[in-house]
Amino acid sequence: MRGKGTAVIYISHKMEEILVISDEVTIMRGGKSVGMWPACELTTDLMIRRMVSRNLTRRFPPRENVPGDTFCGWRACQPESAFFPERFL
């Protein structure tokens, strides 16, 4: 398609994929363009930084939740139907 001069507008949140398939990337924030760069000059962290207008110190923060006791669940199922509960806790 590139050889025929065809342009494709691809909107995604999958940063790594964007860098693989794109020649140029336009980054938006708040519905407005903040700029356009060659994909080869960008990294995932740089794209995110330009999208949110700040450095991200923790892209994937550690999970702090602690699972508690089960309050609702399936104890066993009948062999003829995986959706028919033998007993509901």
Protein backbone atom coordinates (compact mmCIF):
# COMPACT_ATOMS: atom_id res chain seq x y z
CA MET A 1 0.00 0.00 0.00
CA ARG A 2 2.88 2.33 0.72
CA GLY A 3 4.11 1.96 -2.85
CA LYS A 4 0.71 3.04 -4.16
CA GLY A 5 0.66 6.15 -1.96
CA THR A 6 -2.16 4.82 0.21
CA ALA A 7 -2.50 6.18 3.73
CA VAL A 8 -4.05 4.26 6.62
CA ILE A 9 -5.33 5.86 9.81
CA TYR A 10 -4.90 3.36 12.63
CA ILE A 11 -6.13 4.29 16.10
CA SER A 12 -4.97 2.03 18.91
CA HIS A 13 -3.78 1.84 22.49
CA LYS A 14 -1.36 -1.01 21.62
CA MET A 15 1.87 0.96 21.65
CA GLU A 16 4.24 -1.81 20.58
CA GLU A 17 2.01 -2.69 17.63
CA ILE A 18 1.83 0.94 16.54
CA LEU A 19 5.63 1.15 16.38
CA VAL A 20 5.84 -2.03 14.28
CA ILE A 21 3.29 -1.13 11.60
CA SER A 22 3.72 2.65 11.34
CA ASP A 23 5.97 4.96 9.37
CA GLU A 24 4.74 8.06 11.21
CA VAL A 25 2.83 8.43 14.47
CA THR A 26 0.56 11.29 15.50
CA ILE A 27 0.08 11.51 19.27
CA MET A 28 -3.03 13.07 20.70
CA ARG A 29 -3.89 14.38 24.16
CA GLY A 30 -7.31 15.69 25.12
CA GLY A 31 -8.60 15.30 21.57
CA LYS A 32 -5.86 17.48 20.08
CA SER A 33 -2.69 16.59 18.23
CA VAL A 34 0.50 17.17 20.22
CA GLY A 35 2.73 16.26 17.29
CA MET A 36 3.76 13.82 14.60
CA TRP A 37 7.03 11.86 14.62
CA PRO A 38 8.67 9.14 12.55
CA ALA A 39 7.92 5.82 14.26
CA CYS A 40 11.62 4.91 14.22
CA GLU A 41 12.31 7.87 16.58
CA LEU A 42 9.75 6.79 19.20
CA THR A 43 9.66 4.28 22.03
CA THR A 44 6.63 3.06 23.95
CA ASP A 45 7.63 5.09 27.00
CA LEU A 46 8.18 8.23 24.92
CA MET A 47 4.76 7.89 23.27
CA ILE A 48 3.06 7.45 26.65
CA ARG A 49 4.98 10.41 28.11
CA ARG A 50 3.80 12.61 25.25
CA MET A 51 0.22 11.36 25.62
CA VAL A 52 -0.05 12.08 29.34
CA SER A 53 2.31 15.08 29.47
CA ARG A 54 4.48 13.73 32.29
CA ASN A 55 7.01 11.00 33.05
CA LEU A 56 5.59 7.72 34.21
CA THR A 57 7.60 6.32 37.07
CA ARG A 58 5.54 3.14 37.31
CA ARG A 59 3.95 1.97 34.07
CA PHE A 60 2.52 -1.12 35.77
CA PRO A 61 2.22 -0.35 39.51
CA PRO A 62 2.45 -3.36 41.84
CA ARG A 63 -0.85 -4.83 42.89
CA GLU A 64 -1.64 -4.08 46.49
CA ASN A 65 -4.90 -5.99 46.89
CA VAL A 66 -5.00 -9.03 49.15
CA PRO A 67 -7.60 -11.69 48.30
CA GLY A 68 -10.03 -12.36 51.14
CA ASP A 69 -12.36 -15.20 51.99
CA THR A 70 -14.64 -16.59 49.30
CA PHE A 71 -18.17 -15.34 49.81
CA CYS A 72 -19.80 -16.91 46.74
CA GLY A 73 -18.70 -19.78 44.53
CA TRP A 74 -19.42 -23.17 42.96
CA ARG A 75 -18.49 -26.25 44.92
CA ALA A 76 -19.10 -28.93 42.26
CA CYS A 77 -20.97 -29.47 39.01
CA GLN A 78 -22.99 -32.36 37.63
CA PRO A 79 -21.08 -34.31 34.95
CA GLU A 80 -23.84 -33.91 32.34
CA SER A 81 -23.79 -30.11 32.57
CA ALA A 82 -20.91 -27.87 33.51
CA PHE A 83 -23.43 -25.09 34.27
CA PHE A 84 -25.67 -26.91 36.72
CA PRO A 85 -24.44 -26.44 40.29
CA GLU A 86 -24.56 -29.29 42.77
CA ARG A 87 -24.31 -26.88 45.63
CA PHE A 88 -24.12 -23.14 45.80
CA LEU A 89 -22.03 -21.78 48.66
